[in-house]
């Protein structure tokens, strides 16, 4: 399993250096809008319930926690902190969404 080798809060987003020699930057607001916690996504249907307009344009993650050996949890400037971002999901976003900027470090 690919895991973060280094995590840094930059001026534009969360930068993750993965152990597969790829470094990806996830813009803050984009990442906040990907939250899949029960307050943001209806548990039974998977329907998004987060009011996108309620997320400030200038939101940033001020801190993060590692959740076990499989995910990250962020503390956002809007007070939100219940979302868990599995490494697998973060990698999937980096592969499938142009909002995530990645570069090879090898």
PDB file of N, CA and C in Angstrom:
ATOM      1  N   UNK A   1       0.848  -1.185   0.000  1.00  0.00           N
ATOM      2  CA  UNK A   1       0.000   0.000   0.000  1.00  0.00           C
ATOM      3  C   UNK A   1       0.894   1.249   0.000  1.00  0.00           C
ATOM      4  N   UNK A   2       0.507   2.199  -0.817  1.00  0.00           N
ATOM      5  CA  UNK A   2       1.220   3.469  -0.886  1.00  0.00           C
ATOM      6  C   UNK A   2       0.804   4.326   0.301  1.00  0.00           C
ATOM      7  N   UNK A   3       1.805   4.906   0.973  1.00  0.00           N
ATOM      8  CA  UNK A   3       1.549   5.727   2.156  1.00  0.00           C
ATOM      9  C   UNK A   3       2.334   7.031   2.056  1.00  0.00           C
ATOM     10  N   UNK A   4       1.903   8.066   2.794  1.00  0.00           N
ATOM     11  CA  UNK A   4       2.648   9.323   2.778  1.00  0.00           C
ATOM     12  C   UNK A   4       4.017   9.172   3.426  1.00  0.00           C
ATOM     13  N   UNK A   5       5.027   9.720   2.772  1.00  0.00           N
ATOM     14  CA  UNK A   5       6.366   9.774   3.352  1.00  0.00           C
ATOM     15  C   UNK A   5       6.543  11.098   4.090  1.00  0.00           C
ATOM     16  N   UNK A   6       5.821  12.146   3.611  1.00  0.00           N
ATOM     17  CA  UNK A   6       5.896  13.471   4.232  1.00  0.00           C
ATOM     18  C   UNK A   6       4.612  14.221   3.919  1.00  0.00           C
ATOM     19  N   UNK A   7       4.150  15.012   4.873  1.00  0.00           N
ATOM     20  CA  UNK A   7       2.930  15.809   4.713  1.00  0.00           C
ATOM     21  C   UNK A   7       3.262  17.229   5.146  1.00  0.00           C
ATOM     22  N   UNK A   8       2.874  18.193   4.321  1.00  0.00           N
ATOM     23  CA  UNK A   8       3.189  19.594   4.625  1.00  0.00           C
ATOM     24  C   UNK A   8       2.006  20.476   4.244  1.00  0.00           C
ATOM     25  N   UNK A   9       1.695  21.437   5.096  1.00  0.00           N
ATOM     26  CA  UNK A   9       0.681  22.442   4.788  1.00  0.00           C
ATOM     27  C   UNK A   9       1.407  23.578   4.076  1.00  0.00           C
ATOM     28  N   UNK A  10       1.060  23.826   2.830  1.00  0.00           N
ATOM     29  CA  UNK A  10       1.721  24.869   2.050  1.00  0.00           C
ATOM     30  C   UNK A  10       0.800  26.081   1.933  1.00  0.00           C
ATOM     31  N   UNK A  11       1.202  27.051   1.155  1.00  0.00           N
ATOM     32  CA  UNK A  11       0.382  28.240   0.952  1.00  0.00           C
ATOM     33  C   UNK A  11      -0.879  27.969   0.150  1.00  0.00           C
ATOM     34  N   UNK A  12      -0.893  26.872  -0.605  1.00  0.00           N
ATOM     35  CA  UNK A  12      -2.046  26.598  -1.480  1.00  0.00           C
ATOM     36  C   UNK A  12      -2.802  25.323  -1.135  1.00  0.00           C
ATOM     37  N   UNK A  13      -2.174  24.432  -0.381  1.00  0.00           N
ATOM     38  CA  UNK A  13      -2.866  23.183  -0.077  1.00  0.00           C
ATOM     39  C   UNK A  13      -2.016  22.222   0.712  1.00  0.00           C
ATOM     40  N   UNK A  14      -2.578  21.044   0.915  1.00  0.00           N
ATOM     41  CA  UNK A  14      -1.865  19.972   1.607  1.00  0.00           C
ATOM     42  C   UNK A  14      -0.977  19.274   0.582  1.00  0.00           C
ATOM     43  N   UNK A  15       0.313  19.259   0.854  1.00  0.00           N
ATOM     44  CA  UNK A  15       1.254  18.607  -0.053  1.00  0.00           C
ATOM     45  C   UNK A  15       1.681  17.275   0.576  1.00  0.00           C
ATOM     46  N   UNK A  16       1.463  16.205  -0.174  1.00  0.00           N
ATOM     47  CA  UNK A  16       1.817  14.875   0.302  1.00  0.00           C
ATOM     48  C   UNK A  16       2.874  14.283  -0.614  1.00  0.00           C
ATOM     49  N   UNK A  17       4.007  13.943  -0.020  1.00  0.00           N
ATOM     50  CA  UNK A  17       5.040  13.201  -0.740  1.00  0.00           C
ATOM     51  C   UNK A  17       4.759  11.731  -0.458  1.00  0.00           C
ATOM     52  N   UNK A  18       4.308  11.019  -1.463  1.00  0.00           N
ATOM     53  CA  UNK A  18       3.980   9.603  -1.318  1.00  0.00           C
ATOM     54  C   UNK A  18       5.236   8.752  -1.437  1.00  0.00           C
ATOM     55  N   UNK A  19       5.202   7.557  -0.885  1.00  0.00           N
ATOM     56  CA  UNK A  19       6.367   6.677  -0.955  1.00  0.00           C
ATOM     57  C   UNK A  19       6.539   6.009  -2.321  1.00  0.00           C
ATOM     58  N   UNK A  20       5.711   6.403  -3.295  1.00  0.00           N
ATOM     59  CA  UNK A  20       5.861   5.906  -4.670  1.00  0.00           C
ATOM     60  C   UNK A  20       6.585   6.930  -5.548  1.00  0.00           C
ATOM     61  N   UNK A  21       7.295   7.865  -4.909  1.00  0.00           N
ATOM     62  CA  UNK A  21       8.069   8.913  -5.597  1.00  0.00           C
ATOM     63  C   UNK A  21       7.199   9.922  -6.340  1.00  0.00           C
ATOM     64  N   UNK A  22       6.032  10.180  -5.814  1.00  0.00           N
ATOM     65  CA  UNK A  22       5.153  11.186  -6.389  1.00  0.00           C
ATOM     66  C   UNK A  22       4.759  12.153  -5.271  1.00  0.00           C
ATOM     67  N   UNK A  23       4.795  13.452  -5.589  1.00  0.00           N
ATOM     68  CA  UNK A  23       4.362  14.474  -4.638  1.00  0.00           C
ATOM     69  C   UNK A  23       3.136  15.157  -5.213  1.00  0.00           C
ATOM     70  N   UNK A  24       2.078  15.214  -4.403  1.00  0.00           N
ATOM     71  CA  UNK A  24       0.811  15.781  -4.865  1.00  0.00           C
ATOM     72  C   UNK A  24       0.361  16.902  -3.931  1.00  0.00           C
ATOM     73  N   UNK A  25      -0.169  17.963  -4.527  1.00  0.00           N
ATOM     74  CA  UNK A  25      -0.733  19.070  -3.763  1.00  0.00           C
ATOM     75  C   UNK A  25      -2.239  19.067  -3.951  1.00  0.00           C
ATOM     76  N   UNK A  26      -2.938  18.994  -2.828  1.00  0.00           N
ATOM     77  CA  UNK A  26      -4.399  18.983  -2.787  1.00  0.00           C
ATOM     78  C   UNK A  26      -4.848  20.358  -2.307  1.00  0.00           C
ATOM     79  N   UNK A  27      -5.428  21.183  -3.201  1.00  0.00           N
ATOM     80  CA  UNK A  27      -5.868  22.524  -2.769  1.00  0.00           C
ATOM     81  C   UNK A  27      -6.817  22.417  -1.562  1.00  0.00           C
ATOM     82  N   UNK A  28      -6.672  23.327  -0.621  1.00  0.00           N
ATOM     83  CA  UNK A  28      -7.422  23.251   0.631  1.00  0.00           C
ATOM     84  C   UNK A  28      -8.932  23.136   0.440  1.00  0.00           C
ATOM     85  N   UNK A  29      -9.535  24.069  -0.263  1.00  0.00           N
ATOM     86  CA  UNK A  29     -10.996  24.047  -0.380  1.00  0.00           C
ATOM     87  C   UNK A  29     -11.459  22.802  -1.126  1.00  0.00           C
ATOM     88  N   UNK A  30     -10.733  22.436  -2.167  1.00  0.00           N
ATOM     89  CA  UNK A  30     -11.048  21.207  -2.903  1.00  0.00           C
ATOM     90  C   UNK A  30     -11.059  20.012  -1.950  1.00  0.00           C
ATOM     91  N   UNK A  31     -10.027  19.897  -1.118  1.00  0.00           N
ATOM     92  CA  UNK A  31      -9.924  18.773  -0.206  1.00  0.00           C
ATOM     93  C   UNK A  31     -11.042  18.805   0.829  1.00  0.00           C
ATOM     94  N   UNK A  32     -11.351  19.983   1.346  1.00  0.00           N
ATOM     95  CA  UNK A  32     -12.448  20.106   2.323  1.00  0.00           C
ATOM     96  C   UNK A  32     -13.764  19.637   1.708  1.00  0.00           C
ATOM     97  N   UNK A  33     -13.989  19.951   0.442  1.00  0.00           N
ATOM     98  CA  UNK A  33     -15.235  19.557  -0.224  1.00  0.00           C
ATOM     99  C   UNK A  33     -15.294  18.058  -0.516  1.00  0.00           C
ATOM    100  N   UNK A  34     -14.185  17.353  -0.383  1.00  0.00           N
ATOM    101  CA  UNK A  34     -14.167  15.898  -0.591  1.00  0.00           C
ATOM    102  C   UNK A  34     -14.503  15.127   0.683  1.00  0.00           C
ATOM    103  N   UNK A  35     -14.747  15.828   1.775  1.00  0.00           N
ATOM    104  CA  UNK A  35     -15.024  15.167   3.051  1.00  0.00           C
ATOM    105  C   UNK A  35     -16.233  14.244   2.918  1.00  0.00           C
ATOM    106  N   UNK A  36     -16.082  13.031   3.455  1.00  0.00           N
ATOM    107  CA  UNK A  36     -17.154  12.035   3.353  1.00  0.00           C
ATOM    108  C   UNK A  36     -17.742  11.675   4.715  1.00  0.00           C
ATOM    109  N   UNK A  37     -17.561  12.544   5.717  1.00  0.00           N
ATOM    110  CA  UNK A  37     -18.099  12.255   7.046  1.00  0.00           C
ATOM    111  C   UNK A  37     -19.632  12.355   7.027  1.00  0.00           C
ATOM    112  N   UNK A  38     -20.257  11.922   8.105  1.00  0.00           N
ATOM    113  CA  UNK A  38     -21.720  11.898   8.182  1.00  0.00           C
ATOM    114  C   UNK A  38     -22.350  13.288   8.121  1.00  0.00           C
ATOM    115  N   UNK A  39     -21.601  14.330   8.471  1.00  0.00           N
ATOM    116  CA  UNK A  39     -22.133  15.692   8.385  1.00  0.00           C
ATOM    117  C   UNK A  39     -22.082  16.226   6.951  1.00  0.00           C
ATOM    118  N   UNK A  40     -21.284  15.572   6.101  1.00  0.00           N
ATOM    119  CA  UNK A  40     -21.098  16.046   4.726  1.00  0.00           C
ATOM    120  C   UNK A  40     -21.748  15.142   3.681  1.00  0.00           C
ATOM    121  N   UNK A  41     -21.922  13.875   4.028  1.00  0.00           N
ATOM    122  CA  UNK A  41     -22.508  12.898   3.106  1.00  0.00           C
ATOM    123  C   UNK A  41     -23.522  12.058   3.885  1.00  0.00           C
ATOM    124  N   UNK A  42     -24.721  11.919   3.325  1.00  0.00           N
ATOM    125  CA  UNK A  42     -25.749  11.104   3.969  1.00  0.00           C
ATOM    126  C   UNK A  42     -25.283   9.649   4.036  1.00  0.00           C
ATOM    127  N   UNK A  43     -25.276   9.098   5.226  1.00  0.00           N
ATOM    128  CA  UNK A  43     -24.697   7.771   5.429  1.00  0.00           C
ATOM    129  C   UNK A  43     -25.391   6.657   4.648  1.00  0.00           C
ATOM    130  N   UNK A  44     -26.693   6.657   4.621  1.00  0.00           N
ATOM    131  CA  UNK A  44     -27.419   5.557   3.983  1.00  0.00           C
ATOM    132  C   UNK A  44     -27.404   5.613   2.454  1.00  0.00           C
ATOM    133  N   UNK A  45     -27.437   6.818   1.898  1.00  0.00           N
ATOM    134  CA  UNK A  45     -27.547   6.929   0.438  1.00  0.00           C
ATOM    135  C   UNK A  45     -26.243   7.357  -0.234  1.00  0.00           C
ATOM    136  N   UNK A  46     -25.336   7.963   0.535  1.00  0.00           N
ATOM    137  CA  UNK A  46     -24.105   8.481  -0.060  1.00  0.00           C
ATOM    138  C   UNK A  46     -24.305   9.825  -0.739  1.00  0.00           C
ATOM    139  N   UNK A  47     -25.505  10.402  -0.567  1.00  0.00           N
ATOM    140  CA  UNK A  47     -25.820  11.692  -1.185  1.00  0.00           C
ATOM    141  C   UNK A  47     -25.114  12.818  -0.437  1.00  0.00           C
ATOM    142  N   UNK A  48     -24.406  13.686  -1.181  1.00  0.00           N
ATOM    143  CA  UNK A  48     -23.748  14.828  -0.529  1.00  0.00           C
ATOM    144  C   UNK A  48     -24.776  15.739   0.138  1.00  0.00           C
ATOM    145  N   UNK A  49     -24.509  16.133   1.376  1.00  0.00           N
ATOM    146  CA  UNK A  49     -25.409  17.057   2.076  1.00  0.00           C
ATOM    147  C   UNK A  49     -24.688  18.324   2.534  1.00  0.00           C
ATOM    148  N   UNK A  50     -23.387  18.390   2.281  1.00  0.00           N
ATOM    149  CA  UNK A  50     -22.623  19.587   2.624  1.00  0.00           C
ATOM    150  C   UNK A  50     -23.071  20.745   1.736  1.00  0.00           C
ATOM    151  N   UNK A  51     -23.387  21.880   2.360  1.00  0.00           N
ATOM    152  CA  UNK A  51     -23.707  23.089   1.609  1.00  0.00           C
ATOM    153  C   UNK A  51     -22.387  23.694   1.151  1.00  0.00           C
ATOM    154  N   UNK A  52     -22.067  23.518  -0.128  1.00  0.00           N
ATOM    155  CA  UNK A  52     -20.791  23.969  -0.680  1.00  0.00           C
ATOM    156  C   UNK A  52     -20.578  25.460  -0.438  1.00  0.00           C
ATOM    157  N   UNK A  53     -21.642  26.233  -0.511  1.00  0.00           N
ATOM    158  CA  UNK A  53     -21.541  27.679  -0.316  1.00  0.00           C
ATOM    159  C   UNK A  53     -21.122  28.036   1.118  1.00  0.00           C
ATOM    160  N   UNK A  54     -21.301  27.102   2.048  1.00  0.00           N
ATOM    161  CA  UNK A  54     -20.941  27.377   3.443  1.00  0.00           C
ATOM    162  C   UNK A  54     -19.447  27.197   3.709  1.00  0.00           C
ATOM    163  N   UNK A  55     -18.717  26.656   2.738  1.00  0.00           N
ATOM    164  CA  UNK A  55     -17.273  26.435   2.909  1.00  0.00           C
ATOM    165  C   UNK A  55     -16.539  27.666   2.374  1.00  0.00           C
ATOM    166  N   UNK A  56     -15.847  28.400   3.241  1.00  0.00           N
ATOM    167  CA  UNK A  56     -15.166  29.626   2.819  1.00  0.00           C
ATOM    168  C   UNK A  56     -14.143  29.367   1.700  1.00  0.00           C
ATOM    169  N   UNK A  57     -14.046  30.310   0.781  1.00  0.00           N
ATOM    170  CA  UNK A  57     -13.073  30.199  -0.312  1.00  0.00           C
ATOM    171  C   UNK A  57     -11.644  30.142   0.218  1.00  0.00           C
ATOM    172  N   UNK A  58     -11.398  30.802   1.350  1.00  0.00           N
ATOM    173  CA  UNK A  58     -10.040  30.887   1.887  1.00  0.00           C
ATOM    174  C   UNK A  58      -9.763  29.872   3.002  1.00  0.00           C
ATOM    175  N   UNK A  59     -10.553  28.817   3.061  1.00  0.00           N
ATOM    176  CA  UNK A  59     -10.371  27.793   4.095  1.00  0.00           C
ATOM    177  C   UNK A  59      -8.994  27.130   3.962  1.00  0.00           C
ATOM    178  N   UNK A  60      -8.424  26.783   5.104  1.00  0.00           N
ATOM    179  CA  UNK A  60      -7.173  26.017   5.086  1.00  0.00           C
ATOM    180  C   UNK A  60      -7.250  24.936   6.166  1.00  0.00           C
ATOM    181  N   UNK A  61      -6.412  23.949   6.016  1.00  0.00           N
ATOM    182  CA  UNK A  61      -6.241  22.945   7.063  1.00  0.00           C
ATOM    183  C   UNK A  61      -5.118  23.450   7.956  1.00  0.00           C
ATOM    184  N   UNK A  62      -5.376  23.518   9.251  1.00  0.00           N
ATOM    185  CA  UNK A  62      -4.368  24.048  10.161  1.00  0.00           C
ATOM    186  C   UNK A  62      -3.556  22.950  10.824  1.00  0.00           C
ATOM    187  N   UNK A  63      -4.081  21.735  10.822  1.00  0.00           N
ATOM    188  CA  UNK A  63      -3.383  20.615  11.456  1.00  0.00           C
ATOM    189  C   UNK A  63      -3.934  19.320  10.880  1.00  0.00           C
ATOM    190  N   UNK A  64      -3.169  18.259  11.053  1.00  0.00           N
ATOM    191  CA  UNK A  64      -3.650  16.949  10.638  1.00  0.00           C
ATOM    192  C   UNK A  64      -3.222  15.898  11.646  1.00  0.00           C
ATOM    193  N   UNK A  65      -3.949  14.811  11.642  1.00  0.00           N
ATOM    194  CA  UNK A  65      -3.628  13.656  12.468  1.00  0.00           C
ATOM    195  C   UNK A  65      -3.559  12.444  11.561  1.00  0.00           C
ATOM    196  N   UNK A  66      -2.671  11.532  11.874  1.00  0.00           N
ATOM    197  CA  UNK A  66      -2.680  10.248  11.175  1.00  0.00           C
ATOM    198  C   UNK A  66      -3.692   9.363  11.887  1.00  0.00           C
ATOM    199  N   UNK A  67      -4.524   8.693  11.113  1.00  0.00           N
ATOM    200  CA  UNK A  67      -5.516   7.782  11.655  1.00  0.00           C
ATOM    201  C   UNK A  67      -5.027   6.372  11.345  1.00  0.00           C
ATOM    202  N   UNK A  68      -4.560   5.693  12.367  1.00  0.00           N
ATOM    203  CA  UNK A  68      -3.989   4.373  12.162  1.00  0.00           C
ATOM    204  C   UNK A  68      -2.886   4.428  11.123  1.00  0.00           C
ATOM    205  N   UNK A  69      -2.861   3.419  10.266  1.00  0.00           N
ATOM    206  CA  UNK A  69      -1.878   3.371   9.190  1.00  0.00           C
ATOM    207  C   UNK A  69      -2.557   3.495   7.838  1.00  0.00           C
ATOM    208  N   UNK A  70      -3.768   4.132   7.835  1.00  0.00           N
ATOM    209  CA  UNK A  70      -4.545   4.133   6.603  1.00  0.00           C
ATOM    210  C   UNK A  70      -5.182   5.449   6.191  1.00  0.00           C
ATOM    211  N   UNK A  71      -5.118   6.481   7.033  1.00  0.00           N
ATOM    212  CA  UNK A  71      -5.856   7.699   6.688  1.00  0.00           C
ATOM    213  C   UNK A  71      -5.290   8.934   7.401  1.00  0.00           C
ATOM    214  N   UNK A  72      -5.771  10.102   6.943  1.00  0.00           N
ATOM    215  CA  UNK A  72      -5.462  11.382   7.572  1.00  0.00           C
ATOM    216  C   UNK A  72      -6.769  12.050   7.985  1.00  0.00           C
ATOM    217  N   UNK A  73      -6.691  12.853   9.032  1.00  0.00           N
ATOM    218  CA  UNK A  73      -7.828  13.646   9.491  1.00  0.00           C
ATOM    219  C   UNK A  73      -7.329  15.074   9.621  1.00  0.00           C
ATOM    220  N   UNK A  74      -8.095  16.034   9.096  1.00  0.00           N
ATOM    221  CA  UNK A  74      -7.667  17.433   9.083  1.00  0.00           C
ATOM    222  C   UNK A  74      -8.529  18.283  10.003  1.00  0.00           C
ATOM    223  N   UNK A  75      -7.920  19.302  10.589  1.00  0.00           N
ATOM    224  CA  UNK A  75      -8.640  20.321  11.338  1.00  0.00           C
ATOM    225  C   UNK A  75      -8.685  21.545  10.438  1.00  0.00           C
ATOM    226  N   UNK A  76      -9.902  21.933  10.063  1.00  0.00           N
ATOM    227  CA  UNK A  76     -10.107  23.030   9.111  1.00  0.00           C
ATOM    228  C   UNK A  76     -10.420  24.329   9.844  1.00  0.00           C
ATOM    229  N   UNK A  77     -10.138  25.442   9.184  1.00  0.00           N
ATOM    230  CA  UNK A  77     -10.389  26.750   9.800  1.00  0.00           C
ATOM    231  C   UNK A  77     -11.879  27.053   9.961  1.00  0.00           C
ATOM    232  N   UNK A  78     -12.756  26.254   9.340  1.00  0.00           N
ATOM    233  CA  UNK A  78     -14.195  26.434   9.576  1.00  0.00           C
ATOM    234  C   UNK A  78     -14.666  25.609  10.777  1.00  0.00           C
ATOM    235  N   UNK A  79     -13.715  24.978  11.486  1.00  0.00           N
ATOM    236  CA  UNK A  79     -14.051  24.210  12.678  1.00  0.00           C
ATOM    237  C   UNK A  79     -14.354  22.744  12.409  1.00  0.00           C
ATOM    238  N   UNK A  80     -14.437  22.367  11.167  1.00  0.00           N
ATOM    239  CA  UNK A  80     -14.757  20.982  10.821  1.00  0.00           C
ATOM    240  C   UNK A  80     -13.539  20.094  11.075  1.00  0.00           C
ATOM    241  N   UNK A  81     -13.774  18.924  11.681  1.00  0.00           N
ATOM    242  CA  UNK A  81     -12.639  18.043  11.957  1.00  0.00           C
ATOM    243  C   UNK A  81     -13.014  16.561  12.006  1.00  0.00           C
ATOM    244  N   UNK A  82     -14.198  16.217  11.539  1.00  0.00           N
ATOM    245  CA  UNK A  82     -14.633  14.822  11.685  1.00  0.00           C
ATOM    246  C   UNK A  82     -14.366  13.948  10.459  1.00  0.00           C
ATOM    247  N   UNK A  83     -13.908  14.537   9.378  1.00  0.00           N
ATOM    248  CA  UNK A  83     -13.676  13.746   8.167  1.00  0.00           C
ATOM    249  C   UNK A  83     -12.375  12.969   8.206  1.00  0.00           C
ATOM    250  N   UNK A  84     -12.435  11.754   7.709  1.00  0.00           N
ATOM    251  CA  UNK A  84     -11.245  10.914   7.582  1.00  0.00           C
ATOM    252  C   UNK A  84     -10.995  10.704   6.100  1.00  0.00           C
ATOM    253  N   UNK A  85      -9.758  10.918   5.695  1.00  0.00           N
ATOM    254  CA  UNK A  85      -9.367  10.805   4.291  1.00  0.00           C
ATOM    255  C   UNK A  85      -8.432   9.604   4.131  1.00  0.00           C
ATOM    256  N   UNK A  86      -8.968   8.441   3.756  1.00  0.00           N
ATOM    257  CA  UNK A  86      -8.115   7.260   3.579  1.00  0.00           C
ATOM    258  C   UNK A  86      -7.056   7.506   2.499  1.00  0.00           C
ATOM    259  N   UNK A  87      -5.861   6.955   2.717  1.00  0.00           N
ATOM    260  CA  UNK A  87      -4.793   7.113   1.728  1.00  0.00           C
ATOM    261  C   UNK A  87      -5.277   6.681   0.349  1.00  0.00           C
ATOM    262  N   UNK A  88      -6.027   5.584   0.311  1.00  0.00           N
ATOM    263  CA  UNK A  88      -6.531   5.062  -0.967  1.00  0.00           C
ATOM    264  C   UNK A  88      -7.379   6.107  -1.697  1.00  0.00           C
ATOM    265  N   UNK A  89      -8.231   6.821  -0.954  1.00  0.00           N
ATOM    266  CA  UNK A  89      -9.076   7.864  -1.549  1.00  0.00           C
ATOM    267  C   UNK A  89      -8.222   9.040  -2.036  1.00  0.00           C
ATOM    268  N   UNK A  90      -7.238   9.450  -1.234  1.00  0.00           N
ATOM    269  CA  UNK A  90      -6.366  10.551  -1.639  1.00  0.00           C
ATOM    270  C   UNK A  90      -5.595  10.196  -2.918  1.00  0.00           C
ATOM    271  N   UNK A  91      -5.122   8.973  -3.014  1.00  0.00           N
ATOM    272  CA  UNK A  91      -4.415   8.540  -4.220  1.00  0.00           C
ATOM    273  C   UNK A  91      -5.361   8.506  -5.416  1.00  0.00           C
ATOM    274  N   UNK A  92      -6.576   8.048  -5.182  1.00  0.00           N
ATOM    275  CA  UNK A  92      -7.585   8.010  -6.239  1.00  0.00           C
ATOM    276  C   UNK A  92      -7.875   9.422  -6.760  1.00  0.00           C
ATOM    277  N   UNK A  93      -7.991  10.386  -5.860  1.00  0.00           N
ATOM    278  CA  UNK A  93      -8.211  11.776  -6.264  1.00  0.00           C
ATOM    279  C   UNK A  93      -7.040  12.276  -7.103  1.00  0.00           C
ATOM    280  N   UNK A  94      -5.816  11.920  -6.699  1.00  0.00           N
ATOM    281  CA  UNK A  94      -4.638  12.396  -7.427  1.00  0.00           C
ATOM    282  C   UNK A  94      -4.563  11.815  -8.832  1.00  0.00           C
ATOM    283  N   UNK A  95      -5.113  10.635  -9.011  1.00  0.00           N
ATOM    284  CA  UNK A  95      -5.078   9.980 -10.321  1.00  0.00           C
ATOM    285  C   UNK A  95      -6.217  10.406 -11.227  1.00  0.00           C
ATOM    286  N   UNK A  96      -7.339  10.857 -10.635  1.00  0.00           N
ATOM    287  CA  UNK A  96      -8.551  11.077 -11.411  1.00  0.00           C
ATOM    288  C   UNK A  96      -9.088  12.494 -11.440  1.00  0.00           C
ATOM    289  N   UNK A  97      -8.414  13.424 -10.781  1.00  0.00           N
ATOM    290  CA  UNK A  97      -8.948  14.786 -10.729  1.00  0.00           C
ATOM    291  C   UNK A  97      -7.828  15.789 -10.990  1.00  0.00           C
ATOM    292  N   UNK A  98      -8.006  16.600 -12.008  1.00  0.00           N
ATOM    293  CA  UNK A  98      -6.994  17.585 -12.384  1.00  0.00           C
ATOM    294  C   UNK A  98      -6.798  18.690 -11.352  1.00  0.00           C
ATOM    295  N   UNK A  99      -7.687  18.782 -10.367  1.00  0.00           N
ATOM    296  CA  UNK A  99      -7.524  19.775  -9.311  1.00  0.00           C
ATOM    297  C   UNK A  99      -6.301  19.463  -8.444  1.00  0.00           C
ATOM    298  N   UNK A 100      -5.936  18.191  -8.398  1.00  0.00           N
ATOM    299  CA  UNK A 100      -4.767  17.737  -7.631  1.00  0.00           C
ATOM    300  C   UNK A 100      -3.557  17.794  -8.532  1.00  0.00           C
ATOM    301  N   UNK A 101      -2.538  18.520  -8.110  1.00  0.00           N
ATOM    302  CA  UNK A 101      -1.321  18.702  -8.922  1.00  0.00           C
ATOM    303  C   UNK A 101      -0.243  17.746  -8.406  1.00  0.00           C
ATOM    304  N   UNK A 102       0.198  16.848  -9.286  1.00  0.00           N
ATOM    305  CA  UNK A 102       1.203  15.859  -8.884  1.00  0.00           C
ATOM    306  C   UNK A 102       2.439  15.975  -9.776  1.00  0.00           C
ATOM    307  N   UNK A 103       3.570  15.635  -9.188  1.00  0.00           N
ATOM    308  CA  UNK A 103       4.808  15.580  -9.962  1.00  0.00           C
ATOM    309  C   UNK A 103       5.633  14.409  -9.462  1.00  0.00           C
ATOM    310  N   UNK A 104       6.356  13.821 -10.353  1.00  0.00           N
ATOM    311  CA  UNK A 104       7.239  12.712 -10.020  1.00  0.00           C
ATOM    312  C   UNK A 104       8.475  13.267  -9.351  1.00  0.00           C
ATOM    313  N   UNK A 105       8.937  12.613  -8.296  1.00  0.00           N
ATOM    314  CA  UNK A 105      10.117  13.085  -7.577  1.00  0.00           C
ATOM    315  C   UNK A 105      11.320  12.171  -7.817  1.00  0.00           C
ATOM    316  N   UNK A 106      11.190  11.242  -8.749  1.00  0.00           N
ATOM    317  CA  UNK A 106      12.317  10.329  -8.999  1.00  0.00           C
ATOM    318  C   UNK A 106      13.159  10.783 -10.162  1.00  0.00           C
TER     319      UNK A 106
END
